[in-house]
N, C-alpha and C. Protein backbone atom coordinates (compact mmCIF):
# COMPACT_ATOMS: atom_id res chain seq x y z
N MET A 1 -39.34 -100.59 74.94
CA MET A 1 -39.06 -101.08 76.28
C MET A 1 -39.56 -102.50 76.45
N GLY A 2 -40.80 -102.76 76.12
CA GLY A 2 -41.32 -104.12 76.22
C GLY A 2 -41.42 -104.64 77.65
N LEU A 3 -41.52 -103.77 78.65
CA LEU A 3 -41.55 -104.19 80.04
C LEU A 3 -42.98 -104.27 80.55
N ASP A 4 -43.19 -105.09 81.56
CA ASP A 4 -44.48 -105.17 82.22
C ASP A 4 -44.57 -104.00 83.19
N LEU A 5 -45.41 -103.03 82.86
CA LEU A 5 -45.53 -101.84 83.70
C LEU A 5 -46.62 -101.99 84.75
N SER A 6 -47.08 -103.20 84.99
CA SER A 6 -48.14 -103.42 85.97
C SER A 6 -47.61 -103.94 87.30
N THR A 7 -46.30 -103.98 87.48
CA THR A 7 -45.74 -104.58 88.68
C THR A 7 -45.73 -103.66 89.90
N ASN A 8 -45.89 -102.36 89.71
CA ASN A 8 -45.90 -101.42 90.82
C ASN A 8 -47.32 -100.89 91.01
N PRO A 9 -47.99 -101.22 92.11
CA PRO A 9 -49.37 -100.78 92.31
C PRO A 9 -49.50 -99.27 92.51
N ASN A 10 -48.38 -98.57 92.66
CA ASN A 10 -48.41 -97.12 92.84
C ASN A 10 -48.30 -96.36 91.52
N VAL A 11 -48.23 -97.10 90.42
CA VAL A 11 -48.09 -96.48 89.10
C VAL A 11 -49.12 -97.08 88.16
N ILE A 12 -49.96 -96.24 87.57
CA ILE A 12 -50.94 -96.68 86.58
C ILE A 12 -50.74 -95.87 85.30
N VAL A 13 -50.23 -96.51 84.28
CA VAL A 13 -49.98 -95.84 83.01
C VAL A 13 -51.32 -95.65 82.30
N THR A 14 -51.61 -94.41 81.90
CA THR A 14 -52.89 -94.12 81.25
C THR A 14 -52.73 -93.77 79.78
N ARG A 15 -51.53 -93.33 79.37
CA ARG A 15 -51.36 -92.94 77.97
C ARG A 15 -49.88 -92.97 77.61
N VAL A 16 -49.58 -93.51 76.44
CA VAL A 16 -48.21 -93.49 75.91
C VAL A 16 -48.28 -92.91 74.51
N LYS A 17 -47.53 -91.83 74.28
CA LYS A 17 -47.52 -91.19 72.97
C LYS A 17 -46.11 -91.29 72.39
N LEU A 18 -46.01 -91.82 71.18
CA LEU A 18 -44.73 -91.90 70.49
C LEU A 18 -44.39 -90.53 69.92
N LEU A 19 -43.26 -89.97 70.33
CA LEU A 19 -42.84 -88.66 69.87
C LEU A 19 -41.85 -88.75 68.71
N SER A 20 -41.00 -89.76 68.75
CA SER A 20 -40.00 -89.92 67.70
C SER A 20 -39.47 -91.34 67.71
N SER A 21 -39.19 -91.86 66.54
CA SER A 21 -38.49 -93.14 66.43
C SER A 21 -37.48 -93.05 65.29
N ASN A 22 -36.88 -91.88 65.16
CA ASN A 22 -35.92 -91.63 64.09
C ASN A 22 -34.62 -92.39 64.31
N TRP A 23 -33.96 -92.16 65.44
CA TRP A 23 -32.71 -92.85 65.74
C TRP A 23 -32.98 -93.92 66.78
N PHE A 24 -33.54 -93.50 67.91
CA PHE A 24 -34.05 -94.42 68.92
C PHE A 24 -35.50 -94.03 69.19
N VAL A 25 -36.04 -94.35 70.35
CA VAL A 25 -37.47 -94.13 70.58
C VAL A 25 -37.69 -93.15 71.73
N LEU A 26 -38.43 -92.09 71.44
CA LEU A 26 -38.79 -91.10 72.45
C LEU A 26 -40.29 -91.16 72.66
N ARG A 27 -40.69 -91.37 73.92
CA ARG A 27 -42.11 -91.48 74.26
C ARG A 27 -42.47 -90.46 75.34
N ALA A 28 -43.72 -89.99 75.30
CA ALA A 28 -44.30 -89.21 76.40
C ALA A 28 -45.34 -90.11 77.06
N THR A 29 -45.16 -90.35 78.34
CA THR A 29 -46.07 -91.24 79.06
C THR A 29 -46.78 -90.48 80.16
N THR A 30 -48.10 -90.62 80.21
CA THR A 30 -48.91 -90.05 81.28
C THR A 30 -49.27 -91.19 82.22
N PHE A 31 -49.12 -90.94 83.53
CA PHE A 31 -49.43 -91.99 84.50
C PHE A 31 -49.93 -91.39 85.79
N GLU A 32 -50.71 -92.19 86.49
CA GLU A 32 -51.18 -91.83 87.83
C GLU A 32 -50.15 -92.38 88.82
N PHE A 33 -49.75 -91.53 89.78
CA PHE A 33 -48.72 -91.92 90.73
C PHE A 33 -49.21 -91.70 92.16
N ARG A 34 -49.13 -92.78 92.98
CA ARG A 34 -49.53 -92.69 94.39
C ARG A 34 -48.31 -92.33 95.22
N HIS A 35 -48.41 -91.21 95.93
CA HIS A 35 -47.30 -90.72 96.76
C HIS A 35 -47.27 -91.47 98.09
N ARG A 36 -46.23 -91.24 98.85
CA ARG A 36 -46.06 -91.93 100.14
C ARG A 36 -47.19 -91.63 101.12
N ASP A 37 -47.81 -90.43 100.99
CA ASP A 37 -48.91 -90.08 101.90
C ASP A 37 -50.25 -90.64 101.44
N GLY A 38 -50.24 -91.41 100.33
CA GLY A 38 -51.46 -92.02 99.83
C GLY A 38 -52.18 -91.21 98.76
N SER A 39 -51.81 -89.96 98.59
CA SER A 39 -52.46 -89.13 97.57
C SER A 39 -51.99 -89.53 96.18
N TRP A 40 -52.84 -89.27 95.18
CA TRP A 40 -52.53 -89.57 93.79
C TRP A 40 -52.32 -88.28 93.01
N SER A 41 -51.42 -88.33 92.03
CA SER A 41 -51.25 -87.20 91.12
C SER A 41 -51.07 -87.74 89.70
N THR A 42 -51.40 -86.91 88.74
CA THR A 42 -51.17 -87.26 87.34
C THR A 42 -49.83 -86.68 86.91
N GLU A 43 -48.97 -87.52 86.39
CA GLU A 43 -47.62 -87.10 85.99
C GLU A 43 -47.40 -87.42 84.52
N GLU A 44 -46.48 -86.69 83.90
CA GLU A 44 -46.07 -87.00 82.53
C GLU A 44 -44.56 -86.95 82.47
N ARG A 45 -43.98 -87.95 81.84
CA ARG A 45 -42.53 -88.02 81.68
C ARG A 45 -42.21 -88.42 80.24
N GLU A 46 -41.13 -87.85 79.73
CA GLU A 46 -40.59 -88.30 78.45
C GLU A 46 -39.46 -89.28 78.75
N THR A 47 -39.46 -90.38 78.02
CA THR A 47 -38.39 -91.36 78.16
C THR A 47 -37.76 -91.60 76.82
N TYR A 48 -36.44 -91.66 76.84
CA TYR A 48 -35.66 -91.92 75.63
C TYR A 48 -35.14 -93.34 75.74
N ASP A 49 -35.61 -94.20 74.84
CA ASP A 49 -35.25 -95.62 74.87
C ASP A 49 -34.24 -95.89 73.76
N ARG A 50 -32.99 -96.05 74.16
CA ARG A 50 -31.94 -96.31 73.19
C ARG A 50 -31.38 -97.72 73.33
N GLY A 51 -32.04 -98.54 74.15
CA GLY A 51 -31.55 -99.88 74.39
C GLY A 51 -30.51 -99.87 75.50
N ASP A 52 -30.10 -101.06 75.91
CA ASP A 52 -29.08 -101.19 76.94
C ASP A 52 -27.70 -101.26 76.29
N GLY A 53 -26.68 -101.02 77.09
CA GLY A 53 -25.32 -101.00 76.56
C GLY A 53 -24.36 -101.76 77.45
N ALA A 54 -23.11 -101.82 77.01
CA ALA A 54 -22.05 -102.47 77.77
C ALA A 54 -20.77 -101.67 77.58
N THR A 55 -19.96 -101.63 78.63
CA THR A 55 -18.68 -100.93 78.58
C THR A 55 -17.63 -101.75 79.31
N ILE A 56 -16.36 -101.44 79.02
CA ILE A 56 -15.29 -102.27 79.57
C ILE A 56 -14.05 -101.43 79.85
N LEU A 57 -13.39 -101.74 80.96
CA LEU A 57 -12.08 -101.17 81.25
C LEU A 57 -11.03 -102.19 80.81
N LEU A 58 -10.23 -101.81 79.83
CA LEU A 58 -9.11 -102.64 79.38
C LEU A 58 -7.87 -102.20 80.14
N TYR A 59 -7.18 -103.16 80.76
CA TYR A 59 -6.06 -102.80 81.62
C TYR A 59 -4.88 -103.75 81.44
N ASP A 60 -3.71 -103.23 81.74
CA ASP A 60 -2.47 -104.01 81.74
C ASP A 60 -1.81 -103.76 83.09
N THR A 61 -1.91 -104.72 84.00
CA THR A 61 -1.39 -104.50 85.35
C THR A 61 0.13 -104.45 85.38
N GLU A 62 0.79 -105.16 84.48
CA GLU A 62 2.25 -105.16 84.47
C GLU A 62 2.79 -103.78 84.11
N ARG A 63 2.18 -103.15 83.13
CA ARG A 63 2.64 -101.83 82.70
C ARG A 63 1.87 -100.70 83.36
N ARG A 64 0.87 -101.04 84.20
CA ARG A 64 0.02 -100.07 84.91
C ARG A 64 -0.63 -99.08 83.96
N THR A 65 -1.25 -99.62 82.89
CA THR A 65 -1.90 -98.77 81.91
C THR A 65 -3.35 -99.20 81.69
N VAL A 66 -4.12 -98.29 81.13
CA VAL A 66 -5.48 -98.58 80.69
C VAL A 66 -5.58 -98.13 79.23
N LEU A 67 -6.44 -98.80 78.49
CA LEU A 67 -6.65 -98.46 77.09
C LEU A 67 -8.02 -97.82 76.94
N LEU A 68 -8.03 -96.56 76.54
CA LEU A 68 -9.27 -95.82 76.32
C LEU A 68 -9.40 -95.50 74.84
N THR A 69 -10.52 -94.93 74.48
CA THR A 69 -10.74 -94.48 73.11
C THR A 69 -10.96 -92.98 73.12
N ARG A 70 -10.74 -92.37 71.97
CA ARG A 70 -11.01 -90.95 71.80
C ARG A 70 -11.88 -90.79 70.57
N GLN A 71 -13.05 -90.16 70.76
CA GLN A 71 -13.94 -89.95 69.64
C GLN A 71 -14.79 -88.70 69.83
N PHE A 72 -15.29 -88.19 68.72
CA PHE A 72 -16.13 -86.99 68.75
C PHE A 72 -17.54 -87.35 69.19
N ARG A 73 -18.05 -86.58 70.15
CA ARG A 73 -19.41 -86.78 70.68
C ARG A 73 -20.18 -85.48 70.50
N PHE A 74 -21.07 -85.45 69.51
CA PHE A 74 -21.80 -84.23 69.20
C PHE A 74 -22.61 -83.70 70.39
N PRO A 75 -23.36 -84.54 71.14
CA PRO A 75 -24.11 -84.00 72.28
C PRO A 75 -23.22 -83.29 73.31
N ALA A 76 -22.02 -83.83 73.57
CA ALA A 76 -21.09 -83.16 74.49
C ALA A 76 -20.62 -81.83 73.90
N TYR A 77 -20.38 -81.82 72.61
CA TYR A 77 -19.92 -80.62 71.92
C TYR A 77 -20.94 -79.49 72.02
N VAL A 78 -22.22 -79.79 71.78
CA VAL A 78 -23.24 -78.74 71.84
C VAL A 78 -23.59 -78.35 73.27
N ASN A 79 -23.09 -79.13 74.25
CA ASN A 79 -23.34 -78.79 75.65
C ASN A 79 -22.07 -78.27 76.33
N GLY A 80 -21.19 -77.67 75.54
CA GLY A 80 -20.09 -76.93 76.13
C GLY A 80 -18.73 -77.60 76.15
N HIS A 81 -18.61 -78.85 75.72
CA HIS A 81 -17.28 -79.47 75.67
C HIS A 81 -16.54 -78.83 74.49
N ALA A 82 -15.36 -78.30 74.76
CA ALA A 82 -14.66 -77.42 73.81
C ALA A 82 -14.57 -77.97 72.40
N ASP A 83 -14.07 -79.19 72.23
CA ASP A 83 -13.93 -79.73 70.87
C ASP A 83 -14.80 -80.95 70.61
N GLY A 84 -15.49 -81.45 71.64
CA GLY A 84 -16.38 -82.59 71.48
C GLY A 84 -15.69 -83.95 71.51
N TYR A 85 -14.36 -83.98 71.62
CA TYR A 85 -13.65 -85.26 71.67
C TYR A 85 -13.53 -85.72 73.12
N LEU A 86 -14.03 -86.92 73.39
CA LEU A 86 -14.00 -87.47 74.74
C LEU A 86 -13.09 -88.68 74.81
N LEU A 87 -12.38 -88.80 75.94
CA LEU A 87 -11.66 -90.02 76.27
C LEU A 87 -12.63 -90.92 77.01
N GLU A 88 -12.79 -92.15 76.50
CA GLU A 88 -13.81 -93.05 77.04
C GLU A 88 -13.32 -94.49 77.09
N ALA A 89 -13.93 -95.26 77.95
CA ALA A 89 -13.80 -96.70 77.88
C ALA A 89 -14.59 -97.19 76.68
N PRO A 90 -14.13 -98.23 75.99
CA PRO A 90 -14.92 -98.77 74.87
C PRO A 90 -16.32 -99.14 75.34
N ALA A 91 -17.31 -98.93 74.48
CA ALA A 91 -18.69 -99.21 74.86
C ALA A 91 -19.56 -99.27 73.62
N GLY A 92 -20.72 -99.83 73.78
CA GLY A 92 -21.69 -99.85 72.70
C GLY A 92 -22.99 -100.46 73.15
N LEU A 93 -23.96 -100.41 72.26
CA LEU A 93 -25.29 -100.93 72.56
C LEU A 93 -25.36 -102.43 72.33
N LEU A 94 -26.23 -103.07 73.12
CA LEU A 94 -26.54 -104.47 72.86
C LEU A 94 -27.41 -104.53 71.61
N ASP A 95 -27.06 -105.39 70.70
CA ASP A 95 -27.90 -105.61 69.53
C ASP A 95 -28.84 -106.75 69.87
N ASP A 96 -28.73 -107.86 69.17
CA ASP A 96 -29.52 -109.03 69.51
C ASP A 96 -28.72 -110.01 70.34
N ASP A 97 -27.69 -109.52 71.02
CA ASP A 97 -26.84 -110.39 71.81
C ASP A 97 -26.90 -109.98 73.28
N ASP A 98 -26.19 -110.73 74.12
CA ASP A 98 -26.16 -110.39 75.53
C ASP A 98 -25.03 -109.41 75.80
N ALA A 99 -24.92 -108.95 77.03
CA ALA A 99 -23.96 -107.91 77.37
C ALA A 99 -22.52 -108.34 77.12
N LEU A 100 -22.18 -109.56 77.47
CA LEU A 100 -20.81 -110.03 77.27
C LEU A 100 -20.44 -110.06 75.79
N ARG A 101 -21.31 -110.62 74.97
CA ARG A 101 -21.03 -110.66 73.52
C ARG A 101 -20.96 -109.25 72.95
N ALA A 102 -21.82 -108.36 73.43
CA ALA A 102 -21.82 -106.99 72.94
C ALA A 102 -20.51 -106.28 73.27
N VAL A 103 -20.03 -106.45 74.50
CA VAL A 103 -18.80 -105.75 74.86
C VAL A 103 -17.60 -106.35 74.13
N GLU A 104 -17.62 -107.64 73.87
CA GLU A 104 -16.54 -108.24 73.07
C GLU A 104 -16.57 -107.68 71.64
N ARG A 105 -17.76 -107.60 71.06
CA ARG A 105 -17.91 -107.08 69.70
C ARG A 105 -17.48 -105.62 69.61
N GLU A 106 -17.99 -104.81 70.53
CA GLU A 106 -17.69 -103.38 70.50
C GLU A 106 -16.21 -103.11 70.73
N THR A 107 -15.59 -103.87 71.62
CA THR A 107 -14.15 -103.69 71.88
C THR A 107 -13.34 -103.98 70.63
N ALA A 108 -13.68 -105.05 69.93
CA ALA A 108 -12.97 -105.38 68.68
C ALA A 108 -13.19 -104.30 67.63
N GLU A 109 -14.43 -103.85 67.47
CA GLU A 109 -14.73 -102.82 66.48
C GLU A 109 -14.01 -101.51 66.78
N GLU A 110 -14.02 -101.11 68.05
CA GLU A 110 -13.48 -99.80 68.40
C GLU A 110 -11.97 -99.79 68.56
N THR A 111 -11.41 -100.84 69.17
CA THR A 111 -9.98 -100.82 69.52
C THR A 111 -9.12 -101.78 68.70
N GLY A 112 -9.73 -102.83 68.13
CA GLY A 112 -8.96 -103.87 67.45
C GLY A 112 -8.50 -104.97 68.38
N TYR A 113 -8.79 -104.85 69.69
CA TYR A 113 -8.35 -105.86 70.65
C TYR A 113 -9.45 -106.91 70.86
N ALA A 114 -9.03 -108.16 70.93
CA ALA A 114 -9.95 -109.26 71.22
C ALA A 114 -10.02 -109.44 72.73
N VAL A 115 -11.23 -109.53 73.25
CA VAL A 115 -11.45 -109.75 74.68
C VAL A 115 -11.93 -111.18 74.88
N THR A 116 -11.25 -111.92 75.74
CA THR A 116 -11.65 -113.31 75.96
C THR A 116 -11.92 -113.62 77.43
N ASP A 117 -11.56 -112.70 78.32
CA ASP A 117 -11.68 -113.00 79.76
C ASP A 117 -12.37 -111.88 80.52
N ALA A 118 -13.39 -111.29 79.93
CA ALA A 118 -14.05 -110.15 80.57
C ALA A 118 -14.73 -110.57 81.87
N GLN A 119 -14.54 -109.74 82.88
CA GLN A 119 -15.16 -109.95 84.19
C GLN A 119 -16.33 -108.98 84.32
N HIS A 120 -17.53 -109.52 84.59
CA HIS A 120 -18.69 -108.65 84.81
C HIS A 120 -18.57 -108.01 86.18
N LEU A 121 -18.75 -106.69 86.23
CA LEU A 121 -18.61 -105.96 87.49
C LEU A 121 -19.95 -105.63 88.12
N PHE A 122 -20.81 -104.92 87.37
CA PHE A 122 -22.11 -104.48 87.89
C PHE A 122 -22.90 -103.85 86.74
N ASP A 123 -24.16 -103.54 86.98
CA ASP A 123 -25.03 -102.88 86.00
C ASP A 123 -25.58 -101.61 86.66
N LEU A 124 -25.58 -100.51 85.89
CA LEU A 124 -26.04 -99.23 86.41
C LEU A 124 -26.95 -98.53 85.43
N TYR A 125 -27.92 -97.77 85.95
CA TYR A 125 -28.72 -96.85 85.13
C TYR A 125 -27.94 -95.54 85.08
N MET A 126 -27.64 -95.08 83.88
CA MET A 126 -26.74 -93.94 83.74
C MET A 126 -27.43 -92.58 83.82
N SER A 127 -28.67 -92.49 83.43
CA SER A 127 -29.40 -91.22 83.49
C SER A 127 -30.88 -91.52 83.69
N PRO A 128 -31.25 -92.05 84.87
CA PRO A 128 -32.59 -92.61 85.07
C PRO A 128 -33.72 -91.59 85.08
N GLY A 129 -33.40 -90.30 85.04
CA GLY A 129 -34.45 -89.30 84.99
C GLY A 129 -35.14 -89.22 83.64
N SER A 130 -34.46 -89.70 82.58
CA SER A 130 -35.07 -89.59 81.26
C SER A 130 -34.67 -90.69 80.27
N VAL A 131 -33.58 -91.40 80.54
CA VAL A 131 -33.08 -92.40 79.60
C VAL A 131 -33.25 -93.79 80.21
N THR A 132 -33.80 -94.72 79.43
CA THR A 132 -34.08 -96.06 79.96
C THR A 132 -32.85 -96.95 80.02
N GLU A 133 -31.76 -96.56 79.39
CA GLU A 133 -30.59 -97.43 79.26
C GLU A 133 -30.03 -97.92 80.59
N LYS A 134 -29.75 -99.23 80.63
CA LYS A 134 -28.98 -99.84 81.71
C LYS A 134 -27.64 -100.23 81.10
N LEU A 135 -26.54 -99.85 81.77
CA LEU A 135 -25.21 -100.12 81.24
C LEU A 135 -24.56 -101.23 82.04
N HIS A 136 -24.05 -102.24 81.33
CA HIS A 136 -23.37 -103.39 81.94
C HIS A 136 -21.87 -103.11 81.93
N PHE A 137 -21.23 -103.16 83.08
CA PHE A 137 -19.82 -102.82 83.23
C PHE A 137 -18.96 -104.08 83.33
N PHE A 138 -17.83 -104.06 82.59
CA PHE A 138 -16.89 -105.17 82.56
C PHE A 138 -15.47 -104.65 82.71
N ALA A 139 -14.53 -105.56 82.97
CA ALA A 139 -13.11 -105.25 82.95
C ALA A 139 -12.39 -106.47 82.38
N ALA A 140 -11.28 -106.22 81.68
CA ALA A 140 -10.49 -107.31 81.10
C ALA A 140 -9.07 -106.83 80.83
N LYS A 141 -8.14 -107.78 80.87
CA LYS A 141 -6.76 -107.49 80.52
C LYS A 141 -6.63 -107.32 79.01
N PHE A 142 -5.64 -106.53 78.61
CA PHE A 142 -5.29 -106.44 77.20
C PHE A 142 -3.77 -106.50 77.09
N SER A 143 -3.30 -106.93 75.95
CA SER A 143 -1.86 -107.01 75.70
C SER A 143 -1.62 -106.92 74.20
N ALA A 144 -0.37 -106.78 73.82
CA ALA A 144 -0.03 -106.72 72.39
C ALA A 144 -0.53 -107.95 71.67
N GLU A 145 -0.53 -109.10 72.34
CA GLU A 145 -0.97 -110.35 71.71
C GLU A 145 -2.47 -110.37 71.43
N SER A 146 -3.23 -109.56 72.14
CA SER A 146 -4.69 -109.56 71.93
C SER A 146 -5.13 -108.56 70.86
N LEU A 147 -4.17 -107.85 70.24
CA LEU A 147 -4.51 -106.95 69.15
C LEU A 147 -4.65 -107.77 67.87
N THR A 148 -5.90 -107.92 67.42
CA THR A 148 -6.17 -108.80 66.27
C THR A 148 -6.78 -108.06 65.08
N GLY A 149 -7.14 -106.80 65.26
CA GLY A 149 -7.78 -106.04 64.19
C GLY A 149 -7.29 -104.61 64.15
N THR A 150 -7.92 -103.81 63.31
CA THR A 150 -7.49 -102.42 63.15
C THR A 150 -8.25 -101.46 64.05
N GLY A 151 -9.43 -101.84 64.51
CA GLY A 151 -10.23 -100.95 65.34
C GLY A 151 -10.70 -99.74 64.57
N GLY A 152 -10.93 -98.65 65.28
CA GLY A 152 -11.36 -97.41 64.64
C GLY A 152 -12.86 -97.23 64.54
N GLY A 153 -13.63 -98.26 64.86
CA GLY A 153 -15.08 -98.16 64.76
C GLY A 153 -15.58 -98.52 63.38
N LEU A 154 -16.88 -98.33 63.18
CA LEU A 154 -17.52 -98.67 61.91
C LEU A 154 -17.70 -97.40 61.07
N ALA A 155 -17.02 -97.37 59.94
CA ALA A 155 -17.06 -96.18 59.08
C ALA A 155 -18.48 -95.88 58.61
N HIS A 156 -19.28 -96.92 58.32
CA HIS A 156 -20.63 -96.68 57.82
C HIS A 156 -21.55 -96.09 58.90
N GLU A 157 -21.12 -96.13 60.17
CA GLU A 157 -21.86 -95.49 61.25
C GLU A 157 -21.26 -94.13 61.60
N GLY A 158 -20.29 -93.69 60.80
CA GLY A 158 -19.67 -92.39 61.04
C GLY A 158 -18.64 -92.38 62.15
N GLU A 159 -18.21 -93.57 62.60
CA GLU A 159 -17.26 -93.63 63.70
C GLU A 159 -15.84 -93.39 63.20
N ASP A 160 -15.07 -92.70 64.01
CA ASP A 160 -13.66 -92.42 63.74
C ASP A 160 -12.96 -92.43 65.10
N ILE A 161 -12.61 -93.63 65.56
CA ILE A 161 -12.19 -93.84 66.95
C ILE A 161 -10.69 -94.12 67.01
N GLU A 162 -10.05 -93.47 67.95
CA GLU A 162 -8.61 -93.59 68.14
C GLU A 162 -8.33 -94.24 69.50
N ASN A 163 -7.35 -95.13 69.56
CA ASN A 163 -6.93 -95.71 70.83
C ASN A 163 -6.01 -94.75 71.57
N VAL A 164 -6.19 -94.66 72.89
CA VAL A 164 -5.32 -93.84 73.73
C VAL A 164 -4.95 -94.67 74.96
N GLU A 165 -3.69 -95.02 75.08
CA GLU A 165 -3.22 -95.76 76.24
C GLU A 165 -2.64 -94.78 77.24
N LEU A 166 -3.12 -94.85 78.48
CA LEU A 166 -2.67 -93.95 79.53
C LEU A 166 -2.18 -94.76 80.72
N GLY A 167 -1.20 -94.20 81.42
CA GLY A 167 -0.84 -94.76 82.71
C GLY A 167 -2.03 -94.63 83.64
N PHE A 168 -2.22 -95.62 84.50
CA PHE A 168 -3.39 -95.61 85.37
C PHE A 168 -3.42 -94.37 86.26
N ASP A 169 -2.28 -94.01 86.84
CA ASP A 169 -2.24 -92.83 87.70
C ASP A 169 -2.57 -91.56 86.92
N GLU A 170 -2.09 -91.49 85.69
CA GLU A 170 -2.40 -90.34 84.82
C GLU A 170 -3.90 -90.28 84.53
N ALA A 171 -4.49 -91.44 84.27
CA ALA A 171 -5.93 -91.48 84.00
C ALA A 171 -6.72 -91.03 85.22
N LEU A 172 -6.35 -91.51 86.40
CA LEU A 172 -7.05 -91.09 87.62
C LEU A 172 -6.94 -89.58 87.81
N ALA A 173 -5.75 -89.04 87.58
CA ALA A 173 -5.54 -87.60 87.76
C ALA A 173 -6.32 -86.79 86.73
N ALA A 174 -6.69 -87.41 85.62
CA ALA A 174 -7.39 -86.70 84.55
C ALA A 174 -8.91 -86.65 84.76
N ILE A 175 -9.41 -87.34 85.78
CA ILE A 175 -10.85 -87.32 86.04
C ILE A 175 -11.30 -85.89 86.34
N GLY A 176 -12.29 -85.45 85.60
CA GLY A 176 -12.85 -84.11 85.79
C GLY A 176 -12.20 -83.06 84.91
N THR A 177 -11.10 -83.40 84.26
CA THR A 177 -10.46 -82.45 83.34
C THR A 177 -10.43 -83.07 81.94
N ARG A 178 -9.48 -83.96 81.69
CA ARG A 178 -9.41 -84.62 80.38
C ARG A 178 -10.40 -85.77 80.26
N ILE A 179 -10.77 -86.39 81.38
CA ILE A 179 -11.73 -87.50 81.37
C ILE A 179 -13.00 -87.03 82.07
N VAL A 180 -14.05 -86.82 81.26
CA VAL A 180 -15.33 -86.31 81.79
C VAL A 180 -16.50 -87.21 81.40
N ASP A 181 -16.21 -88.41 80.95
CA ASP A 181 -17.24 -89.37 80.59
C ASP A 181 -17.56 -90.22 81.83
N ALA A 182 -18.83 -90.26 82.21
CA ALA A 182 -19.23 -90.89 83.48
C ALA A 182 -18.86 -92.37 83.56
N LYS A 183 -19.12 -93.13 82.50
CA LYS A 183 -18.84 -94.57 82.57
C LYS A 183 -17.36 -94.83 82.78
N THR A 184 -16.52 -94.00 82.16
CA THR A 184 -15.08 -94.16 82.27
C THR A 184 -14.62 -93.80 83.68
N VAL A 185 -15.16 -92.73 84.24
CA VAL A 185 -14.84 -92.34 85.61
C VAL A 185 -15.21 -93.47 86.57
N ILE A 186 -16.39 -94.04 86.39
CA ILE A 186 -16.84 -95.12 87.26
C ILE A 186 -15.89 -96.32 87.18
N LEU A 187 -15.48 -96.69 85.98
CA LEU A 187 -14.56 -97.82 85.82
C LEU A 187 -13.20 -97.52 86.44
N LEU A 188 -12.69 -96.33 86.26
CA LEU A 188 -11.40 -95.98 86.86
C LEU A 188 -11.48 -95.98 88.38
N GLN A 189 -12.58 -95.47 88.92
CA GLN A 189 -12.73 -95.48 90.37
C GLN A 189 -12.93 -96.89 90.91
N TRP A 190 -13.61 -97.76 90.11
CA TRP A 190 -13.70 -99.17 90.51
C TRP A 190 -12.30 -99.77 90.59
N ALA A 191 -11.48 -99.52 89.57
CA ALA A 191 -10.12 -100.06 89.56
C ALA A 191 -9.31 -99.59 90.76
N GLU A 192 -9.48 -98.32 91.12
CA GLU A 192 -8.77 -97.78 92.28
C GLU A 192 -9.28 -98.41 93.57
N SER A 193 -10.60 -98.47 93.74
CA SER A 193 -11.16 -98.99 95.00
C SER A 193 -10.93 -100.49 95.16
N SER A 194 -10.84 -101.21 94.05
CA SER A 194 -10.60 -102.66 94.14
C SER A 194 -9.10 -102.98 94.14
N ARG A 195 -8.27 -101.95 94.11
CA ARG A 195 -6.82 -102.10 94.12
C ARG A 195 -6.34 -103.00 92.98
N LEU A 196 -6.92 -102.77 91.80
CA LEU A 196 -6.58 -103.56 90.62
C LEU A 196 -5.09 -103.48 90.30
N PHE A 197 -4.51 -102.32 90.51
CA PHE A 197 -3.09 -102.14 90.21
C PHE A 197 -2.21 -102.24 91.45
N GLY A 198 -2.76 -102.75 92.53
CA GLY A 198 -1.99 -102.93 93.75
C GLY A 198 -2.03 -101.74 94.67
């Protein structure tokens, strides 16, 4: 995390225990917490630090379509998703770059499309009860001319990603059935509320 945890006078961190750093970092933190009534309690929370990420809605307003990806997600599979394959907006973690560069890189790796005009929308904490990740949301146009690579993800990371182009209305109607990924739902609802497609 690398954050200054001394900025809130109602929180005093007393112990941090590293539980795992195999894939990302899992910590158990003990802290003193001052409640609204002034009383203090000792609390312990586990936090999973996987870094921050970026995601993007690729859209074609002329054809009223969005470009999503389809890939296997093991955590969804073991938590009841029938086959584990999710329809998602392209996304990935920030490496040593900023959110814009990360989303451009991840879009090219996953879809083969080059992004040159991404619009930053907002930043959200996706699961603040246990995961430290902040996700940066973007949107950008895509077209046949912006297809510059093969996509599919990085084979050495076990990725096997397929492009899925859907009509915008079809994608909206699929929320909660075929589309159950939170970041993708948020981006589709942003597009609807901002009247991106008119």
